[in-house]
PDB file of N, CA and C in Angstrom:
ATOM      1  N   MET A   1     168.226 151.582 101.969  1.00  0.00           N
ATOM      2  CA  MET A   1     166.788 151.826 101.928  1.00  0.00           C
ATOM      3  C   MET A   1     166.144 151.032 100.792  1.00  0.00           C
ATOM      4  N   ARG A   2     166.853 150.977  99.651  1.00  0.00           N
ATOM      5  CA  ARG A   2     166.298 150.221  98.522  1.00  0.00           C
ATOM      6  C   ARG A   2     166.167 148.745  98.865  1.00  0.00           C
ATOM      7  N   ARG A   3     167.145 148.242  99.605  1.00  0.00           N
ATOM      8  CA  ARG A   3     167.088 146.838  99.983  1.00  0.00           C
ATOM      9  C   ARG A   3     165.859 146.517 100.814  1.00  0.00           C
ATOM     10  N   VAL A   4     165.501 147.406 101.684  1.00  0.00           N
ATOM     11  CA  VAL A   4     164.317 147.200 102.531  1.00  0.00           C
ATOM     12  C   VAL A   4     163.064 147.148 101.666  1.00  0.00           C
ATOM     13  N   VAL A   5     162.980 148.013 100.695  1.00  0.00           N
ATOM     14  CA  VAL A   5     161.825 148.026  99.797  1.00  0.00           C
ATOM     15  C   VAL A   5     161.777 146.731  98.999  1.00  0.00           C
ATOM     16  N   TYR A   6     162.911 146.302  98.461  1.00  0.00           N
ATOM     17  CA  TYR A   6     162.942 145.062  97.680  1.00  0.00           C
ATOM     18  C   TYR A   6     162.616 143.853  98.547  1.00  0.00           C
ATOM     19  N   LEU A   7     163.122 143.825  99.771  1.00  0.00           N
ATOM     20  CA  LEU A   7     162.796 142.723 100.679  1.00  0.00           C
ATOM     21  C   LEU A   7     161.313 142.719 101.022  1.00  0.00           C
ATOM     22  N   PHE A   8     160.772 143.903 101.259  1.00  0.00           N
ATOM     23  CA  PHE A   8     159.334 144.007 101.543  1.00  0.00           C
ATOM     24  C   PHE A   8     158.508 143.488 100.380  1.00  0.00           C
ATOM     25  N   LEU A   9     158.828 143.903  99.160  1.00  0.00           N
ATOM     26  CA  LEU A   9     158.102 143.432  97.981  1.00  0.00           C
ATOM     27  C   LEU A   9     158.277 141.932  97.784  1.00  0.00           C
ATOM     28  N   PHE A  10     159.481 141.420  98.026  1.00  0.00           N
ATOM     29  CA  PHE A  10     159.753 140.006  97.841  1.00  0.00           C
ATOM     30  C   PHE A  10     158.913 139.153  98.790  1.00  0.00           C
ATOM     31  N   PHE A  11     158.844 139.581 100.056  1.00  0.00           N
ATOM     32  CA  PHE A  11     158.096 138.797 101.032  1.00  0.00           C
ATOM     33  C   PHE A  11     156.583 139.035 100.968  1.00  0.00           C
ATOM     34  N   SER A  12     156.137 140.161 100.449  1.00  0.00           N
ATOM     35  CA  SER A  12     154.709 140.433 100.361  1.00  0.00           C
ATOM     36  C   SER A  12     154.080 139.899  99.071  1.00  0.00           C
ATOM     37  N   PHE A  13     154.914 139.547  98.083  1.00  0.00           N
ATOM     38  CA  PHE A  13     154.403 139.074  96.798  1.00  0.00           C
ATOM     39  C   PHE A  13     153.515 137.836  96.942  1.00  0.00           C
ATOM     40  N   PRO A  14     153.882 136.808  97.738  1.00  0.00           N
ATOM     41  CA  PRO A  14     152.984 135.648  97.889  1.00  0.00           C
ATOM     42  C   PRO A  14     151.651 136.019  98.526  1.00  0.00           C
ATOM     43  N   PHE A  15     151.659 136.984  99.422  1.00  0.00           N
ATOM     44  CA  PHE A  15     150.411 137.403 100.058  1.00  0.00           C
ATOM     45  C   PHE A  15     149.508 138.146  99.072  1.00  0.00           C
ATOM     46  N   ILE A  16     150.110 138.910  98.190  1.00  0.00           N
ATOM     47  CA  ILE A  16     149.331 139.630  97.181  1.00  0.00           C
ATOM     48  C   ILE A  16     148.650 138.636  96.256  1.00  0.00           C
ATOM     49  N   LEU A  17     149.352 137.580  95.859  1.00  0.00           N
ATOM     50  CA  LEU A  17     148.760 136.558  94.999  1.00  0.00           C
ATOM     51  C   LEU A  17     147.687 135.763  95.725  1.00  0.00           C
ATOM     52  N   ALA A  18     147.865 135.562  97.025  1.00  0.00           N
ATOM     53  CA  ALA A  18     146.892 134.789  97.802  1.00  0.00           C
ATOM     54  C   ALA A  18     145.600 135.559  98.006  1.00  0.00           C
ATOM     55  N   CYS A  19     145.625 136.863  97.851  1.00  0.00           N
ATOM     56  CA  CYS A  19     144.445 137.691  98.080  1.00  0.00           C
ATOM     57  C   CYS A  19     143.643 137.914  96.810  1.00  0.00           C
ATOM     58  N   ASP A  20     143.836 137.083  95.819  1.00  0.00           N
ATOM     59  CA  ASP A  20     143.121 137.228  94.569  1.00  0.00           C
ATOM     60  C   ASP A  20     141.627 136.969  94.806  1.00  0.00           C
ATOM     61  N   GLU A  21     140.772 137.893  94.401  1.00  0.00           N
ATOM     62  CA  GLU A  21     139.339 137.752  94.608  1.00  0.00           C
ATOM     63  C   GLU A  21     138.690 137.102  93.399  1.00  0.00           C
ATOM     64  N   GLU A  22     137.671 136.292  93.680  1.00  0.00           N
ATOM     65  CA  GLU A  22     136.891 135.695  92.607  1.00  0.00           C
ATOM     66  C   GLU A  22     135.516 136.337  92.621  1.00  0.00           C
ATOM     67  N   PHE A  23     135.060 136.743  91.457  1.00  0.00           N
ATOM     68  CA  PHE A  23     133.749 137.362  91.337  1.00  0.00           C
ATOM     69  C   PHE A  23     132.832 136.429  90.582  1.00  0.00           C
ATOM     70  N   GLU A  24     131.631 136.278  91.121  1.00  0.00           N
ATOM     71  CA  GLU A  24     130.629 135.464  90.447  1.00  0.00           C
ATOM     72  C   GLU A  24     129.838 136.374  89.514  1.00  0.00           C
ATOM     73  N   PRO A  25     129.730 136.004  88.239  1.00  0.00           N
ATOM     74  CA  PRO A  25     128.998 136.877  87.321  1.00  0.00           C
ATOM     75  C   PRO A  25     127.525 136.959  87.702  1.00  0.00           C
ATOM     76  N   VAL A  26     126.953 138.133  87.525  1.00  0.00           N
ATOM     77  CA  VAL A  26     125.546 138.350  87.840  1.00  0.00           C
ATOM     78  C   VAL A  26     124.706 137.781  86.710  1.00  0.00           C
ATOM     79  N   SER A  27     123.770 136.930  87.079  1.00  0.00           N
ATOM     80  CA  SER A  27     122.908 136.303  86.086  1.00  0.00           C
ATOM     81  C   SER A  27     121.772 137.249  85.721  1.00  0.00           C
ATOM     82  N   GLN A  28     121.515 137.370  84.455  1.00  0.00           N
ATOM     83  CA  GLN A  28     120.405 138.199  83.998  1.00  0.00           C
ATOM     84  C   GLN A  28     119.098 137.414  83.981  1.00  0.00           C
ATOM     85  N   ASP A  29     119.173 136.105  84.270  1.00  0.00           N
ATOM     86  CA  ASP A  29     117.999 135.251  84.299  1.00  0.00           C
ATOM     87  C   ASP A  29     117.368 135.358  85.679  1.00  0.00           C
ATOM     88  N   LEU A  30     116.500 136.326  85.873  1.00  0.00           N
ATOM     89  CA  LEU A  30     115.903 136.576  87.177  1.00  0.00           C
ATOM     90  C   LEU A  30     114.780 135.577  87.448  1.00  0.00           C
ATOM     91  N   ASP A  31     114.607 135.208  88.701  1.00  0.00           N
ATOM     92  CA  ASP A  31     113.618 134.220  89.090  1.00  0.00           C
ATOM     93  C   ASP A  31     112.285 134.900  89.386  1.00  0.00           C
ATOM     94  N   PHE A  32     111.542 135.190  88.326  1.00  0.00           N
ATOM     95  CA  PHE A  32     110.240 135.816  88.503  1.00  0.00           C
ATOM     96  C   PHE A  32     109.191 134.799  88.951  1.00  0.00           C
ATOM     97  N   GLY A  33     109.559 133.514  89.028  1.00  0.00           N
ATOM     98  CA  GLY A  33     108.636 132.493  89.498  1.00  0.00           C
ATOM     99  C   GLY A  33     108.274 132.658  90.957  1.00  0.00           C
ATOM    100  N   PHE A  34     109.078 133.445  91.688  1.00  0.00           N
ATOM    101  CA  PHE A  34     108.782 133.721  93.085  1.00  0.00           C
ATOM    102  C   PHE A  34     107.456 134.471  93.210  1.00  0.00           C
ATOM    103  N   GLN A  35     107.125 135.266  92.223  1.00  0.00           N
ATOM    104  CA  GLN A  35     105.856 135.985  92.161  1.00  0.00           C
ATOM    105  C   GLN A  35     105.307 135.783  90.747  1.00  0.00           C
ATOM    106  N   PRO A  36     104.679 134.622  90.483  1.00  0.00           N
ATOM    107  CA  PRO A  36     104.211 134.343  89.122  1.00  0.00           C
ATOM    108  C   PRO A  36     103.030 135.234  88.735  1.00  0.00           C
ATOM    109  N   LEU A  37     103.248 136.097  87.773  1.00  0.00           N
ATOM    110  CA  LEU A  37     102.204 137.007  87.309  1.00  0.00           C
ATOM    111  C   LEU A  37     101.626 136.449  86.014  1.00  0.00           C
ATOM    112  N   LYS A  38     100.411 135.959  86.126  1.00  0.00           N
ATOM    113  CA  LYS A  38      99.726 135.374  84.983  1.00  0.00           C
ATOM    114  C   LYS A  38      98.228 135.562  85.203  1.00  0.00           C
ATOM    115  N   LEU A  39      97.536 135.894  84.160  1.00  0.00           N
ATOM    116  CA  LEU A  39      96.097 136.125  84.238  1.00  0.00           C
ATOM    117  C   LEU A  39      95.401 134.918  84.874  1.00  0.00           C
ATOM    118  N   GLY A  40      94.607 135.153  85.908  1.00  0.00           N
ATOM    119  CA  GLY A  40      93.877 134.098  86.592  1.00  0.00           C
ATOM    120  C   GLY A  40      94.546 133.583  87.859  1.00  0.00           C
ATOM    121  N   ASN A  41      95.842 133.821  88.031  1.00  0.00           N
ATOM    122  CA  ASN A  41      96.514 133.390  89.259  1.00  0.00           C
ATOM    123  C   ASN A  41      95.924 134.113  90.463  1.00  0.00           C
ATOM    124  N   TYR A  42      95.903 133.423  91.604  1.00  0.00           N
ATOM    125  CA  TYR A  42      95.414 134.072  92.820  1.00  0.00           C
ATOM    126  C   TYR A  42      96.166 133.522  94.029  1.00  0.00           C
ATOM    127  N   TRP A  43      96.141 134.310  95.102  1.00  0.00           N
ATOM    128  CA  TRP A  43      96.761 133.958  96.370  1.00  0.00           C
ATOM    129  C   TRP A  43      95.758 134.246  97.465  1.00  0.00           C
ATOM    130  N   ILE A  44      95.669 133.333  98.432  1.00  0.00           N
ATOM    131  CA  ILE A  44      94.759 133.518  99.565  1.00  0.00           C
ATOM    132  C   ILE A  44      95.600 133.667 100.830  1.00  0.00           C
ATOM    133  N   TYR A  45      95.306 134.721 101.589  1.00  0.00           N
ATOM    134  CA  TYR A  45      96.015 135.007 102.829  1.00  0.00           C
ATOM    135  C   TYR A  45      95.044 134.873 103.998  1.00  0.00           C
ATOM    136  N   GLU A  46      95.480 134.171 105.039  1.00  0.00           N
ATOM    137  CA  GLU A  46      94.689 134.093 106.262  1.00  0.00           C
ATOM    138  C   GLU A  46      95.137 135.230 107.172  1.00  0.00           C
ATOM    139  N   VAL A  47      94.183 136.034 107.632  1.00  0.00           N
ATOM    140  CA  VAL A  47      94.499 137.249 108.387  1.00  0.00           C
ATOM    141  C   VAL A  47      93.855 137.176 109.771  1.00  0.00           C
ATOM    142  N   GLU A  48      94.642 137.494 110.777  1.00  0.00           N
ATOM    143  CA  GLU A  48      94.117 137.701 112.123  1.00  0.00           C
ATOM    144  C   GLU A  48      94.405 139.151 112.477  1.00  0.00           C
ATOM    145  N   GLU A  49      93.356 139.955 112.535  1.00  0.00           N
ATOM    146  CA  GLU A  49      93.498 141.392 112.732  1.00  0.00           C
ATOM    147  C   GLU A  49      93.065 141.764 114.145  1.00  0.00           C
ATOM    148  N   THR A  50      93.899 142.543 114.821  1.00  0.00           N
ATOM    149  CA  THR A  50      93.570 143.053 116.146  1.00  0.00           C
ATOM    150  C   THR A  50      93.596 144.570 116.088  1.00  0.00           C
ATOM    151  N   ILE A  51      92.477 145.184 116.429  1.00  0.00           N
ATOM    152  CA  ILE A  51      92.365 146.644 116.461  1.00  0.00           C
ATOM    153  C   ILE A  51      92.307 147.070 117.923  1.00  0.00           C
ATOM    154  N   HIS A  52      93.247 147.937 118.299  1.00  0.00           N
ATOM    155  CA  HIS A  52      93.302 148.446 119.674  1.00  0.00           C
ATOM    156  C   HIS A  52      92.628 149.817 119.728  1.00  0.00           C
ATOM    157  N   PHE A  53      91.670 149.948 120.658  1.00  0.00           N
ATOM    158  CA  PHE A  53      90.957 151.207 120.824  1.00  0.00           C
ATOM    159  C   PHE A  53      91.482 151.998 122.019  1.00  0.00           C
ATOM    160  N   GLY A  54      92.163 151.333 122.893  1.00  0.00           N
ATOM    161  CA  GLY A  54      92.695 151.958 124.099  1.00  0.00           C
ATOM    162  C   GLY A  54      93.249 150.870 124.992  1.00  0.00           C
ATOM    163  N   GLU A  55      93.515 151.231 126.230  1.00  0.00           N
ATOM    164  CA  GLU A  55      94.071 150.261 127.163  1.00  0.00           C
ATOM    165  C   GLU A  55      93.043 149.180 127.480  1.00  0.00           C
ATOM    166  N   ASN A  56      93.426 147.926 127.260  1.00  0.00           N
ATOM    167  CA  ASN A  56      92.565 146.760 127.489  1.00  0.00           C
ATOM    168  C   ASN A  56      91.260 146.821 126.701  1.00  0.00           C
ATOM    169  N   ASP A  57      91.243 147.540 125.608  1.00  0.00           N
ATOM    170  CA  ASP A  57      90.050 147.639 124.756  1.00  0.00           C
ATOM    171  C   ASP A  57      90.470 147.339 123.326  1.00  0.00           C
ATOM    172  N   PHE A  58      90.192 146.112 122.878  1.00  0.00           N
ATOM    173  CA  PHE A  58      90.593 145.708 121.532  1.00  0.00           C
ATOM    174  C   PHE A  58      89.568 144.746 120.957  1.00  0.00           C
ATOM    175  N   GLU A  59      89.640 144.568 119.661  1.00  0.00           N
ATOM    176  CA  GLU A  59      88.743 143.680 118.933  1.00  0.00           C
ATOM    177  C   GLU A  59      89.569 142.862 117.952  1.00  0.00           C
ATOM    178  N   THR A  60      89.390 141.536 117.951  1.00  0.00           N
ATOM    179  CA  THR A  60      90.138 140.651 117.066  1.00  0.00           C
ATOM    180  C   THR A  60      89.179 139.981 116.092  1.00  0.00           C
ATOM    181  N   THR A  61      89.535 139.992 114.816  1.00  0.00           N
ATOM    182  CA  THR A  61      88.735 139.335 113.790  1.00  0.00           C
ATOM    183  C   THR A  61      89.641 138.467 112.923  1.00  0.00           C
ATOM    184  N   ASP A  62      89.090 137.366 112.444  1.00  0.00           N
ATOM    185  CA  ASP A  62      89.784 136.455 111.533  1.00  0.00           C
ATOM    186  C   ASP A  62      89.059 136.480 110.200  1.00  0.00           C
ATOM    187  N   PHE A  63      89.821 136.602 109.126  1.00  0.00           N
ATOM    188  CA  PHE A  63      89.231 136.602 107.792  1.00  0.00           C
ATOM    189  C   PHE A  63      90.286 136.207 106.775  1.00  0.00           C
ATOM    190  N   PHE A  64      89.910 136.188 105.512  1.00  0.00           N
ATOM    191  CA  PHE A  64      90.806 135.812 104.424  1.00  0.00           C
ATOM    192  C   PHE A  64      90.807 136.906 103.365  1.00  0.00           C
ATOM    193  N   TYR A  65      91.967 137.147 102.775  1.00  0.00           N
ATOM    194  CA  TYR A  65      92.101 138.001 101.595  1.00  0.00           C
ATOM    195  C   TYR A  65      92.461 137.107 100.409  1.00  0.00           C
ATOM    196  N   ARG A  66      91.885 137.399  99.276  1.00  0.00           N
ATOM    197  CA  ARG A  66      92.261 136.728  98.033  1.00  0.00           C
ATOM    198  C   ARG A  66      92.656 137.792  97.021  1.00  0.00           C
ATOM    199  N   ASP A  67      93.887 137.704  96.532  1.00  0.00           N
ATOM    200  CA  ASP A  67      94.378 138.593  95.483  1.00  0.00           C
ATOM    201  C   ASP A  67      94.391 137.793  94.188  1.00  0.00           C
ATOM    202  N   ARG A  68      93.626 138.264  93.187  1.00  0.00           N
ATOM    203  CA  ARG A  68      93.499 137.544  91.913  1.00  0.00           C
ATOM    204  C   ARG A  68      93.844 138.480  90.766  1.00  0.00           C
ATOM    205  N   ILE A  69      94.714 138.019  89.867  1.00  0.00           N
ATOM    206  CA  ILE A  69      95.046 138.817  88.688  1.00  0.00           C
ATOM    207  C   ILE A  69      93.876 138.710  87.719  1.00  0.00           C
ATOM    208  N   ARG A  70      93.187 139.827  87.524  1.00  0.00           N
ATOM    209  CA  ARG A  70      91.970 139.807  86.708  1.00  0.00           C
ATOM    210  C   ARG A  70      92.146 140.435  85.337  1.00  0.00           C
ATOM    211  N   GLY A  71      93.289 141.091  85.083  1.00  0.00           N
ATOM    212  CA  GLY A  71      93.484 141.705  83.775  1.00  0.00           C
ATOM    213  C   GLY A  71      94.874 142.290  83.622  1.00  0.00           C
ATOM    214  N   THR A  72      95.171 142.694  82.399  1.00  0.00           N
ATOM    215  CA  THR A  72      96.449 143.334  82.089  1.00  0.00           C
ATOM    216  C   THR A  72      96.209 144.466  81.095  1.00  0.00           C
ATOM    217  N   TYR A  73      97.157 145.380  80.999  1.00  0.00           N
ATOM    218  CA  TYR A  73      97.153 146.415  79.979  1.00  0.00           C
ATOM    219  C   TYR A  73      98.568 146.930  79.778  1.00  0.00           C
ATOM    220  N   LEU A  74      98.792 147.651  78.696  1.00  0.00           N
ATOM    221  CA  LEU A  74     100.080 148.290  78.428  1.00  0.00           C
ATOM    222  C   LEU A  74      99.967 149.758  78.801  1.00  0.00           C
ATOM    223  N   ASN A  75     100.912 150.252  79.593  1.00  0.00           N
ATOM    224  CA  ASN A  75     100.878 151.662  79.977  1.00  0.00           C
ATOM    225  C   ASN A  75     101.473 152.534  78.870  1.00  0.00           C
ATOM    226  N   ASP A  76     101.629 153.823  79.127  1.00  0.00           N
ATOM    227  CA  ASP A  76     102.151 154.758  78.117  1.00  0.00           C
ATOM    228  C   ASP A  76     103.555 154.393  77.641  1.00  0.00           C
ATOM    229  N   ALA A  77     104.352 153.783  78.529  1.00  0.00           N
ATOM    230  CA  ALA A  77     105.722 153.404  78.176  1.00  0.00           C
ATOM    231  C   ALA A  77     105.770 152.007  77.548  1.00  0.00           C
ATOM    232  N   ARG A  78     104.602 151.460  77.195  1.00  0.00           N
ATOM    233  CA  ARG A  78     104.496 150.130  76.573  1.00  0.00           C
ATOM    234  C   ARG A  78     104.994 149.029  77.512  1.00  0.00           C
ATOM    235  N   GLU A  79     104.761 149.195  78.827  1.00  0.00           N
ATOM    236  CA  GLU A  79     105.133 148.199  79.825  1.00  0.00           C
ATOM    237  C   GLU A  79     103.875 147.477  80.293  1.00  0.00           C
ATOM    238  N   LEU A  80     104.004 146.182  80.539  1.00  0.00           N
ATOM    239  CA  LEU A  80     102.864 145.367  80.946  1.00  0.00           C
ATOM    240  C   LEU A  80     102.528 145.636  82.413  1.00  0.00           C
ATOM    241  N   VAL A  81     101.255 145.915  82.667  1.00  0.00           N
ATOM    242  CA  VAL A  81     100.761 146.190  84.021  1.00  0.00           C
ATOM    243  C   VAL A  81      99.649 145.183  84.318  1.00  0.00           C
ATOM    244  N   TYR A  82      99.694 144.577  85.502  1.00  0.00           N
ATOM    245  CA  TYR A  82      98.707 143.583  85.915  1.00  0.00           C
ATOM    246  C   TYR A  82      97.703 144.219  86.870  1.00  0.00           C
ATOM    247  N   ILE A  83      96.419 143.968  86.632  1.00  0.00           N
ATOM    248  CA  ILE A  83      95.362 144.469  87.507  1.00  0.00           C
ATOM    249  C   ILE A  83      94.992 143.348  88.474  1.00  0.00           C
ATOM    250  N   VAL A  84      95.076 143.640  89.778  1.00  0.00           N
ATOM    251  CA  VAL A  84      94.813 142.639  90.814  1.00  0.00           C
ATOM    252  C   VAL A  84      93.584 143.077  91.602  1.00  0.00           C
ATOM    253  N   GLU A  85      92.683 142.138  91.795  1.00  0.00           N
ATOM    254  CA  GLU A  85      91.467 142.390  92.574  1.00  0.00           C
ATOM    255  C   GLU A  85      91.610 141.732  93.939  1.00  0.00           C
ATOM    256  N   ARG A  86      91.460 142.514  94.999  1.00  0.00           N
ATOM    257  CA  ARG A  86      91.507 141.975  96.364  1.00  0.00           C
ATOM    258  C   ARG A  86      90.086 141.813  96.873  1.00  0.00           C
ATOM    259  N   SER A  87      89.785 140.585  97.340  1.00  0.00           N
ATOM    260  CA  SER A  87      88.474 140.274  97.907  1.00  0.00           C
ATOM    261  C   SER A  87      88.659 139.787  99.333  1.00  0.00           C
ATOM    262  N   LYS A  88      87.583 139.909 100.116  1.00  0.00           N
ATOM    263  CA  LYS A  88      87.629 139.527 101.523  1.00  0.00           C
ATOM    264  C   LYS A  88      86.531 138.515 101.807  1.00  0.00           C
ATOM    265  N   SER A  89      86.835 137.544 102.686  1.00  0.00           N
ATOM    266  CA  SER A  89      85.864 136.520 103.042  1.00  0.00           C
ATOM    267  C   SER A  89      86.097 136.081 104.477  1.00  0.00           C
ATOM    268  N   THR A  90      85.034 135.636 105.110  1.00  0.00           N
ATOM    269  CA  THR A  90      85.169 135.072 106.451  1.00  0.00           C
ATOM    270  C   THR A  90      85.143 133.550 106.417  1.00  0.00           C
ATOM    271  N   ASN A  91      84.680 132.974 105.285  1.00  0.00           N
ATOM    272  CA  ASN A  91      84.533 131.521 105.219  1.00  0.00           C
ATOM    273  C   ASN A  91      85.167 130.891 103.973  1.00  0.00           C
ATOM    274  N   ARG A  92      85.840 131.643 103.164  1.00  0.00           N
ATOM    275  CA  ARG A  92      86.469 131.201 101.912  1.00  0.00           C
ATOM    276  C   ARG A  92      85.454 130.711 100.880  1.00  0.00           C
ATOM    277  N   GLN A  93      84.185 131.008 101.100  1.00  0.00           N
ATOM    278  CA  GLN A  93      83.133 130.633 100.154  1.00  0.00           C
ATOM    279  C   GLN A  93      82.559 131.872  99.461  1.00  0.00           C
ATOM    280  N   THR A  94      82.225 132.870 100.240  1.00  0.00           N
ATOM    281  CA  THR A  94      81.645 134.107  99.737  1.00  0.00           C
ATOM    282  C   THR A  94      82.704 135.194  99.811  1.00  0.00           C
ATOM    283  N   TRP A  95      83.025 135.792  98.635  1.00  0.00           N
ATOM    284  CA  TRP A  95      84.072 136.811  98.558  1.00  0.00           C
ATOM    285  C   TRP A  95      83.444 138.148  98.213  1.00  0.00           C
ATOM    286  N   VAL A  96      83.868 139.199  98.907  1.00  0.00           N
ATOM    287  CA  VAL A  96      83.387 140.554  98.669  1.00  0.00           C
ATOM    288  C   VAL A  96      84.581 141.387  98.208  1.00  0.00           C
ATOM    289  N   LYS A  97      84.429 142.056  97.066  1.00  0.00           N
ATOM    290  CA  LYS A  97      85.523 142.854  96.515  1.00  0.00           C
ATOM    291  C   LYS A  97      85.840 144.027  97.438  1.00  0.00           C
ATOM    292  N   GLN A  98      87.158 144.211  97.722  1.00  0.00           N
ATOM    293  CA  GLN A  98      87.617 145.296  98.574  1.00  0.00           C
ATOM    294  C   GLN A  98      88.241 146.425  97.757  1.00  0.00           C
ATOM    295  N   LEU A  99      89.170 146.083  96.854  1.00  0.00           N
ATOM    296  CA  LEU A  99      89.844 147.110  96.068  1.00  0.00           C
ATOM    297  C   LEU A  99      90.570 146.467  94.898  1.00  0.00           C
ATOM    298  N   ASP A 100      90.963 147.302  93.955  1.00  0.00           N
ATOM    299  CA  ASP A 100      91.822 146.905  92.842  1.00  0.00           C
ATOM    300  C   ASP A 100      93.159 147.616  93.017  1.00  0.00           C
ATOM    301  N   PHE A 101      94.244 146.925  92.660  1.00  0.00           N
ATOM    302  CA  PHE A 101      95.558 147.553  92.619  1.00  0.00           C
ATOM    303  C   PHE A 101      96.321 146.969  91.448  1.00  0.00           C
ATOM    304  N   THR A 102      97.465 147.553  91.141  1.00  0.00           N
ATOM    305  CA  THR A 102      98.241 147.081  90.002  1.00  0.00           C
ATOM    306  C   THR A 102      99.603 146.582  90.463  1.00  0.00           C
ATOM    307  N   LEU A 103     100.137 145.638  89.687  1.00  0.00           N
ATOM    308  CA  LEU A 103     101.493 145.135  89.873  1.00  0.00           C
ATOM    309  C   LEU A 103     102.235 145.307  88.559  1.00  0.00           C
ATOM    310  N   GLN A 104     103.499 145.688  88.654  1.00  0.00           N
ATOM    311  CA  GLN A 104     104.303 145.920  87.459  1.00  0.00           C
ATOM    312  C   GLN A 104     105.761 145.607  87.771  1.00  0.00           C
ATOM    313  N   ILE A 105     106.424 144.897  86.852  1.00  0.00           N
ATOM    314  CA  ILE A 105     107.851 144.624  87.012  1.00  0.00           C
ATOM    315  C   ILE A 105     108.611 145.699  86.254  1.00  0.00           C
ATOM    316  N   LYS A 106     109.460 146.422  86.984  1.00  0.00           N
ATOM    317  CA  LYS A 106     110.212 147.528  86.397  1.00  0.00           C
ATOM    318  C   LYS A 106     111.557 147.622  87.100  1.00  0.00           C
ATOM    319  N   ASN A 107     112.654 147.652  86.340  1.00  0.00           N
ATOM    320  CA  ASN A 107     114.010 147.747  86.896  1.00  0.00           C
ATOM    321  C   ASN A 107     114.268 146.674  87.952  1.00  0.00           C
ATOM    322  N   ASN A 108     113.895 145.436  87.636  1.00  0.00           N
ATOM    323  CA  ASN A 108     114.089 144.283  88.527  1.00  0.00           C
ATOM    324  C   ASN A 108     113.367 144.429  89.860  1.00  0.00           C
ATOM    325  N   SER A 109     112.295 145.192  89.891  1.00  0.00           N
ATOM    326  CA  SER A 109     111.498 145.364  91.104  1.00  0.00           C
ATOM    327  C   SER A 109     110.030 145.146  90.768  1.00  0.00           C
ATOM    328  N   LEU A 110     109.299 144.636  91.734  1.00  0.00           N
ATOM    329  CA  LEU A 110     107.857 144.495  91.603  1.00  0.00           C
ATOM    330  C   LEU A 110     107.213 145.700  92.268  1.00  0.00           C
ATOM    331  N   LEU A 111     106.561 146.533  91.462  1.00  0.00           N
ATOM    332  CA  LEU A 111     105.918 147.741  91.977  1.00  0.00           C
ATOM    333  C   LEU A 111     104.435 147.487  92.181  1.00  0.00           C
ATOM    334  N   ARG A 112     103.944 147.885  93.328  1.00  0.00           N
ATOM    335  CA  ARG A 112     102.517 147.739  93.647  1.00  0.00           C
ATOM    336  C   ARG A 112     101.938 149.137  93.817  1.00  0.00           C
ATOM    337  N   THR A 113     100.890 149.436  93.064  1.00  0.00           N
ATOM    338  CA  THR A 113     100.235 150.735  93.146  1.00  0.00           C
ATOM    339  C   THR A 113      98.797 150.536  93.609  1.00  0.00           C
ATOM    340  N   ALA A 114      98.469 151.140  94.749  1.00  0.00           N
ATOM    341  CA  ALA A 114      97.117 151.099  95.296  1.00  0.00           C
ATOM    342  C   ALA A 114      96.811 152.478  95.866  1.00  0.00           C
ATOM    343  N   ASP A 115      95.626 152.963  95.605  1.00  0.00           N
ATOM    344  CA  ASP A 115      95.196 154.273  96.105  1.00  0.00           C
ATOM    345  C   ASP A 115      96.189 155.376  95.733  1.00  0.00           C
ATOM    346  N   ASN A 116      96.674 155.360  94.490  1.00  0.00           N
ATOM    347  CA  ASN A 116      97.607 156.370  93.960  1.00  0.00           C
ATOM    348  C   ASN A 116      98.936 156.399  94.703  1.00  0.00           C
ATOM    349  N   ARG A 117      99.320 155.294  95.336  1.00  0.00           N
ATOM    350  CA  ARG A 117     100.586 155.208  96.052  1.00  0.00           C
ATOM    351  C   ARG A 117     101.336 153.974  95.561  1.00  0.00           C
ATOM    352  N   THR A 118     102.573 154.178  95.115  1.00  0.00           N
ATOM    353  CA  THR A 118     103.383 153.083  94.590  1.00  0.00           C
ATOM    354  C   THR A 118     104.464 152.716  95.597  1.00  0.00           C
ATOM    355  N   ILE A 119     104.588 151.407  95.853  1.00  0.00           N
ATOM    356  CA  ILE A 119     105.637 150.907  96.728  1.00  0.00           C
ATOM    357  C   ILE A 119     106.386 149.790  96.005  1.00  0.00           C
ATOM    358  N   VAL A 120     107.630 149.560  96.397  1.00  0.00           N
ATOM    359  CA  VAL A 120     108.395 148.433  95.883  1.00  0.00           C
ATOM    360  C   VAL A 120     108.060 147.245  96.777  1.00  0.00           C
ATOM    361  N   ALA A 121     107.310 146.298  96.225  1.00  0.00           N
ATOM    362  CA  ALA A 121     106.859 145.159  97.014  1.00  0.00           C
ATOM    363  C   ALA A 121     107.894 144.041  97.069  1.00  0.00           C
ATOM    364  N   LEU A 122     108.737 143.945  96.036  1.00  0.00           N
ATOM    365  CA  LEU A 122     109.712 142.866  95.959  1.00  0.00           C
ATOM    366  C   LEU A 122     110.822 143.280  95.014  1.00  0.00           C
ATOM    367  N   VAL A 123     112.054 142.900  95.326  1.00  0.00           N
ATOM    368  CA  VAL A 123     113.191 143.172  94.454  1.00  0.00           C
ATOM    369  C   VAL A 123     113.725 141.835  93.975  1.00  0.00           C
ATOM    370  N   PHE A 124     113.914 141.709  92.656  1.00  0.00           N
ATOM    371  CA  PHE A 124     114.389 140.457  92.069  1.00  0.00           C
ATOM    372  C   PHE A 124     115.895 140.483  91.900  1.00  0.00           C
ATOM    373  N   PRO A 125     116.583 139.380  92.018  1.00  0.00           N
ATOM    374  CA  PRO A 125     116.067 138.089  92.470  1.00  0.00           C
ATOM    375  C   PRO A 125     115.987 138.043  93.982  1.00  0.00           C
ATOM    376  N   PRO A 126     114.885 137.513  94.520  1.00  0.00           N
ATOM    377  CA  PRO A 126     114.779 137.420  95.973  1.00  0.00           C
ATOM    378  C   PRO A 126     115.754 136.367  96.490  1.00  0.00           C
ATOM    379  N   HIS A 127     116.295 136.578  97.671  1.00  0.00           N
ATOM    380  CA  HIS A 127     117.182 135.608  98.295  1.00  0.00           C
ATOM    381  C   HIS A 127     117.010 135.682  99.808  1.00  0.00           C
ATOM    382  N   TRP A 128     117.313 134.572 100.453  1.00  0.00           N
ATOM    383  CA  TRP A 128     117.175 134.485 101.906  1.00  0.00           C
ATOM    384  C   TRP A 128     118.451 135.000 102.543  1.00  0.00           C
ATOM    385  N   VAL A 129     118.293 135.736 103.582  1.00  0.00           N
ATOM    386  CA  VAL A 129     119.444 136.300 104.302  1.00  0.00           C
ATOM    387  C   VAL A 129     119.848 135.372 105.407  1.00  0.00           C
TER     388      VAL A 129
END
């Protein structure tokens, strides 16, 4: 019986060495450039909205949203919070303010708070699947 165990170990030893795993160290240098948060930065989104009222009854509108970082402050935990102003336009010339929301980087996540509701908008570092 001992011989069988020794033979098993002898023949399995090369396979054990071949199964050595390599781990890539996790970089602490997160790519926050994917969502550059800086006072004055803005993003413009082209929106095509379709509202359905019932069967074969709908309305489609085209417009633009502009999200602009208009300010910052430190919260109670001394963390930097960005104030973002969302405006709406139909021609990209005249903008009408819609709402303000905040963005904050916390625990490698981008948190967005609007209307007293916080969601995780992005997790760093972003990567393509």
